[in-house]
Amino acid sequence: MADKNRVPRPLGWCSACLADDQREHPAVTSHQGTSLCREHNAAAHREQQASLRLGDLAAQAQTQAEAAVEEARKILARAWHLRDQR
């Protein structure tokens, strides 16, 4: 159990570690207003990168879906045009 009465370093103790109440690591950085140790900062960075990548993939999927809809419209228009010619 972490000794919460100890004097922390300038950034304090890692909030995530203290929340676990199992370990105590000094904070090395502040992320979104929360003090984090190296391990939790790396995890937050990986999570942020994954979120950005997911956003990029969603944007690509949206673009591909829009292109597919446009192509389907063109094919449908050609089919109607050929049908009208008969």
N, C-alpha and C. Protein backbone atom coordinates (compact mmCIF):
# COMPACT_ATOMS: atom_id res chain seq x y z
N MET A 1 0.85 -1.18 0.00
CA MET A 1 0.00 0.00 0.00
C MET A 1 0.89 1.23 0.00
N ALA A 2 0.56 2.22 -0.77
CA ALA A 2 1.35 3.43 -0.90
C ALA A 2 1.25 4.28 0.37
N ASP A 3 2.39 4.85 0.75
CA ASP A 3 2.40 5.77 1.90
C ASP A 3 2.10 7.16 1.38
N LYS A 4 0.86 7.57 1.51
CA LYS A 4 0.43 8.86 0.95
C LYS A 4 0.90 10.04 1.79
N ASN A 5 1.56 9.78 2.93
CA ASN A 5 2.05 10.86 3.78
C ASN A 5 3.47 11.27 3.42
N ARG A 6 4.13 10.52 2.55
CA ARG A 6 5.48 10.88 2.13
C ARG A 6 5.44 12.14 1.29
N VAL A 7 6.52 12.90 1.33
CA VAL A 7 6.60 14.13 0.55
C VAL A 7 6.86 13.76 -0.90
N PRO A 8 5.99 14.16 -1.81
CA PRO A 8 6.17 13.79 -3.22
C PRO A 8 7.21 14.66 -3.91
N ARG A 9 7.60 14.25 -5.07
CA ARG A 9 8.48 15.04 -5.92
C ARG A 9 7.69 16.24 -6.44
N PRO A 10 8.33 17.15 -7.17
CA PRO A 10 7.62 18.36 -7.63
C PRO A 10 6.30 18.11 -8.35
N LEU A 11 6.21 17.06 -9.15
CA LEU A 11 4.95 16.76 -9.84
C LEU A 11 4.04 15.89 -9.00
N GLY A 12 4.51 15.44 -7.86
CA GLY A 12 3.69 14.59 -7.01
C GLY A 12 3.85 13.13 -7.38
N TRP A 13 2.93 12.34 -6.90
CA TRP A 13 2.93 10.92 -7.20
C TRP A 13 2.00 10.65 -8.37
N CYS A 14 2.24 9.56 -9.05
CA CYS A 14 1.41 9.17 -10.19
C CYS A 14 -0.01 8.90 -9.69
N SER A 15 -0.96 9.62 -10.25
CA SER A 15 -2.36 9.48 -9.84
C SER A 15 -2.89 8.07 -10.11
N ALA A 16 -2.49 7.50 -11.25
CA ALA A 16 -2.96 6.15 -11.60
C ALA A 16 -2.41 5.12 -10.62
N CYS A 17 -1.16 5.26 -10.23
CA CYS A 17 -0.57 4.33 -9.26
C CYS A 17 -1.26 4.46 -7.91
N LEU A 18 -1.50 5.69 -7.48
CA LEU A 18 -2.17 5.90 -6.20
C LEU A 18 -3.59 5.37 -6.23
N ALA A 19 -4.25 5.48 -7.39
CA ALA A 19 -5.61 4.97 -7.52
C ALA A 19 -5.63 3.44 -7.38
N ASP A 20 -4.57 2.80 -7.88
CA ASP A 20 -4.46 1.34 -7.73
C ASP A 20 -4.24 0.96 -6.27
N ASP A 21 -3.65 1.89 -5.51
CA ASP A 21 -3.37 1.71 -4.08
C ASP A 21 -2.47 0.51 -3.83
N GLN A 22 -1.68 0.15 -4.84
CA GLN A 22 -0.79 -1.00 -4.69
C GLN A 22 0.67 -0.59 -4.85
N ARG A 23 0.92 0.50 -5.49
CA ARG A 23 2.29 0.90 -5.75
C ARG A 23 2.38 2.41 -5.73
N GLU A 24 3.58 2.88 -5.67
CA GLU A 24 3.81 4.32 -5.58
C GLU A 24 4.98 4.69 -6.48
N HIS A 25 4.70 5.47 -7.51
CA HIS A 25 5.76 5.93 -8.40
C HIS A 25 5.70 7.44 -8.49
N PRO A 26 6.87 8.08 -8.49
CA PRO A 26 6.86 9.53 -8.67
C PRO A 26 6.41 9.90 -10.08
N ALA A 27 5.67 10.97 -10.17
CA ALA A 27 5.20 11.44 -11.48
C ALA A 27 6.36 12.08 -12.23
N VAL A 28 6.40 11.85 -13.52
CA VAL A 28 7.44 12.46 -14.36
C VAL A 28 6.84 13.46 -15.34
N THR A 29 5.52 13.42 -15.49
CA THR A 29 4.87 14.33 -16.42
C THR A 29 3.42 14.53 -16.00
N SER A 30 2.81 15.51 -16.61
CA SER A 30 1.39 15.76 -16.37
C SER A 30 0.67 15.59 -17.70
N HIS A 31 -0.38 14.79 -17.70
CA HIS A 31 -1.14 14.50 -18.92
C HIS A 31 -2.60 14.79 -18.65
N GLN A 32 -3.15 15.77 -19.35
CA GLN A 32 -4.54 16.17 -19.19
C GLN A 32 -4.88 16.44 -17.73
N GLY A 33 -3.98 17.14 -17.06
CA GLY A 33 -4.20 17.54 -15.68
C GLY A 33 -3.96 16.44 -14.65
N THR A 34 -3.44 15.31 -15.07
CA THR A 34 -3.19 14.19 -14.16
C THR A 34 -1.70 13.89 -14.15
N SER A 35 -1.13 13.74 -12.96
CA SER A 35 0.28 13.38 -12.84
C SER A 35 0.46 11.91 -13.15
N LEU A 36 1.47 11.59 -13.99
CA LEU A 36 1.69 10.21 -14.40
C LEU A 36 3.15 9.82 -14.28
N CYS A 37 3.39 8.55 -13.93
CA CYS A 37 4.74 8.00 -13.94
C CYS A 37 5.08 7.62 -15.38
N ARG A 38 6.30 7.15 -15.59
CA ARG A 38 6.73 6.77 -16.95
C ARG A 38 5.81 5.70 -17.55
N GLU A 39 5.50 4.68 -16.77
CA GLU A 39 4.69 3.57 -17.26
C GLU A 39 3.30 4.03 -17.67
N HIS A 40 2.65 4.79 -16.82
CA HIS A 40 1.29 5.24 -17.15
C HIS A 40 1.30 6.32 -18.24
N ASN A 41 2.37 7.11 -18.32
CA ASN A 41 2.49 8.08 -19.40
C ASN A 41 2.63 7.36 -20.74
N ALA A 42 3.43 6.29 -20.77
CA ALA A 42 3.59 5.51 -22.00
C ALA A 42 2.27 4.88 -22.41
N ALA A 43 1.52 4.36 -21.44
CA ALA A 43 0.22 3.76 -21.74
C ALA A 43 -0.75 4.81 -22.28
N ALA A 44 -0.74 6.00 -21.69
CA ALA A 44 -1.61 7.09 -22.17
C ALA A 44 -1.23 7.50 -23.58
N HIS A 45 0.08 7.52 -23.87
CA HIS A 45 0.55 7.88 -25.21
C HIS A 45 0.10 6.83 -26.23
N ARG A 46 0.25 5.55 -25.87
CA ARG A 46 -0.20 4.47 -26.78
C ARG A 46 -1.70 4.57 -27.03
N GLU A 47 -2.45 4.86 -25.97
CA GLU A 47 -3.91 4.99 -26.12
C GLU A 47 -4.26 6.16 -27.02
N GLN A 48 -3.55 7.27 -26.86
CA GLN A 48 -3.80 8.44 -27.70
C GLN A 48 -3.46 8.14 -29.16
N GLN A 49 -2.34 7.47 -29.39
CA GLN A 49 -1.95 7.12 -30.76
C GLN A 49 -2.95 6.16 -31.39
N ALA A 50 -3.44 5.20 -30.60
CA ALA A 50 -4.44 4.26 -31.11
C ALA A 50 -5.73 4.99 -31.46
N SER A 51 -6.09 5.96 -30.64
CA SER A 51 -7.31 6.73 -30.90
C SER A 51 -7.16 7.55 -32.18
N LEU A 52 -5.98 8.16 -32.37
CA LEU A 52 -5.74 8.92 -33.59
C LEU A 52 -5.77 8.01 -34.82
N ARG A 53 -5.17 6.84 -34.70
CA ARG A 53 -5.16 5.88 -35.81
C ARG A 53 -6.58 5.43 -36.14
N LEU A 54 -7.37 5.18 -35.10
CA LEU A 54 -8.76 4.79 -35.31
C LEU A 54 -9.53 5.90 -36.02
N GLY A 55 -9.26 7.14 -35.65
CA GLY A 55 -9.89 8.28 -36.32
C GLY A 55 -9.50 8.35 -37.79
N ASP A 56 -8.21 8.10 -38.07
CA ASP A 56 -7.74 8.08 -39.46
C ASP A 56 -8.42 6.98 -40.26
N LEU A 57 -8.53 5.80 -39.65
CA LEU A 57 -9.19 4.69 -40.34
C LEU A 57 -10.66 4.98 -40.59
N ALA A 58 -11.31 5.62 -39.64
CA ALA A 58 -12.72 5.99 -39.82
C ALA A 58 -12.88 6.99 -40.95
N ALA A 59 -11.97 7.95 -41.04
CA ALA A 59 -12.02 8.93 -42.12
C ALA A 59 -11.80 8.26 -43.48
N GLN A 60 -10.85 7.32 -43.53
CA GLN A 60 -10.61 6.59 -44.78
C GLN A 60 -11.83 5.77 -45.17
N ALA A 61 -12.45 5.12 -44.19
CA ALA A 61 -13.65 4.32 -44.47
C ALA A 61 -14.77 5.21 -44.98
N GLN A 62 -14.92 6.39 -44.40
CA GLN A 62 -15.95 7.33 -44.84
C GLN A 62 -15.71 7.75 -46.29
N THR A 63 -14.46 8.07 -46.62
CA THR A 63 -14.11 8.47 -47.98
C THR A 63 -14.38 7.33 -48.96
N GLN A 64 -13.99 6.11 -48.59
CA GLN A 64 -14.23 4.96 -49.47
C GLN A 64 -15.71 4.68 -49.64
N ALA A 65 -16.48 4.84 -48.57
CA ALA A 65 -17.93 4.62 -48.66
C ALA A 65 -18.57 5.65 -49.57
N GLU A 66 -18.15 6.91 -49.45
CA GLU A 66 -18.69 7.96 -50.32
C GLU A 66 -18.35 7.68 -51.78
N ALA A 67 -17.13 7.22 -52.04
CA ALA A 67 -16.73 6.90 -53.41
C ALA A 67 -17.54 5.71 -53.94
N ALA A 68 -17.80 4.73 -53.10
CA ALA A 68 -18.60 3.56 -53.51
C ALA A 68 -20.03 3.97 -53.82
N VAL A 69 -20.59 4.86 -53.02
CA VAL A 69 -21.96 5.34 -53.28
C VAL A 69 -22.00 6.09 -54.60
N GLU A 70 -21.01 6.92 -54.85
CA GLU A 70 -20.97 7.68 -56.10
C GLU A 70 -20.85 6.74 -57.30
N GLU A 71 -20.00 5.72 -57.18
CA GLU A 71 -19.85 4.74 -58.25
C GLU A 71 -21.16 3.98 -58.48
N ALA A 72 -21.84 3.62 -57.41
CA ALA A 72 -23.13 2.93 -57.53
C ALA A 72 -24.16 3.81 -58.22
N ARG A 73 -24.15 5.10 -57.92
CA ARG A 73 -25.07 6.03 -58.58
C ARG A 73 -24.80 6.10 -60.09
N LYS A 74 -23.52 6.12 -60.45
CA LYS A 74 -23.16 6.16 -61.87
C LYS A 74 -23.63 4.90 -62.58
N ILE A 75 -23.40 3.75 -61.95
CA ILE A 75 -23.82 2.48 -62.56
C ILE A 75 -25.34 2.44 -62.69
N LEU A 76 -26.04 2.87 -61.67
CA LEU A 76 -27.50 2.89 -61.71
C LEU A 76 -28.01 3.84 -62.79
N ALA A 77 -27.37 4.99 -62.92
CA ALA A 77 -27.77 5.95 -63.96
C ALA A 77 -27.56 5.35 -65.35
N ARG A 78 -26.43 4.64 -65.55
CA ARG A 78 -26.18 3.99 -66.84
C ARG A 78 -27.22 2.91 -67.11
N ALA A 79 -27.54 2.15 -66.07
CA ALA A 79 -28.53 1.08 -66.23
C ALA A 79 -29.89 1.65 -66.61
N TRP A 80 -30.30 2.72 -65.98
CA TRP A 80 -31.58 3.36 -66.32
C TRP A 80 -31.55 3.92 -67.73
N HIS A 81 -30.41 4.48 -68.10
CA HIS A 81 -30.27 5.03 -69.45
C HIS A 81 -30.38 3.91 -70.49
N LEU A 82 -29.70 2.78 -70.26
CA LEU A 82 -29.79 1.65 -71.18
C LEU A 82 -31.21 1.08 -71.23
N ARG A 83 -31.87 1.04 -70.10
CA ARG A 83 -33.24 0.54 -70.04
C ARG A 83 -34.18 1.44 -70.85
N ASP A 84 -33.99 2.74 -70.73
CA ASP A 84 -34.83 3.69 -71.47
C ASP A 84 -34.60 3.61 -72.97
N GLN A 85 -33.40 3.19 -73.40
CA GLN A 85 -33.11 3.08 -74.83
C GLN A 85 -33.82 1.90 -75.47
N ARG A 86 -34.22 0.94 -74.70
CA ARG A 86 -34.87 -0.27 -75.25
C ARG A 86 -36.24 0.02 -75.64
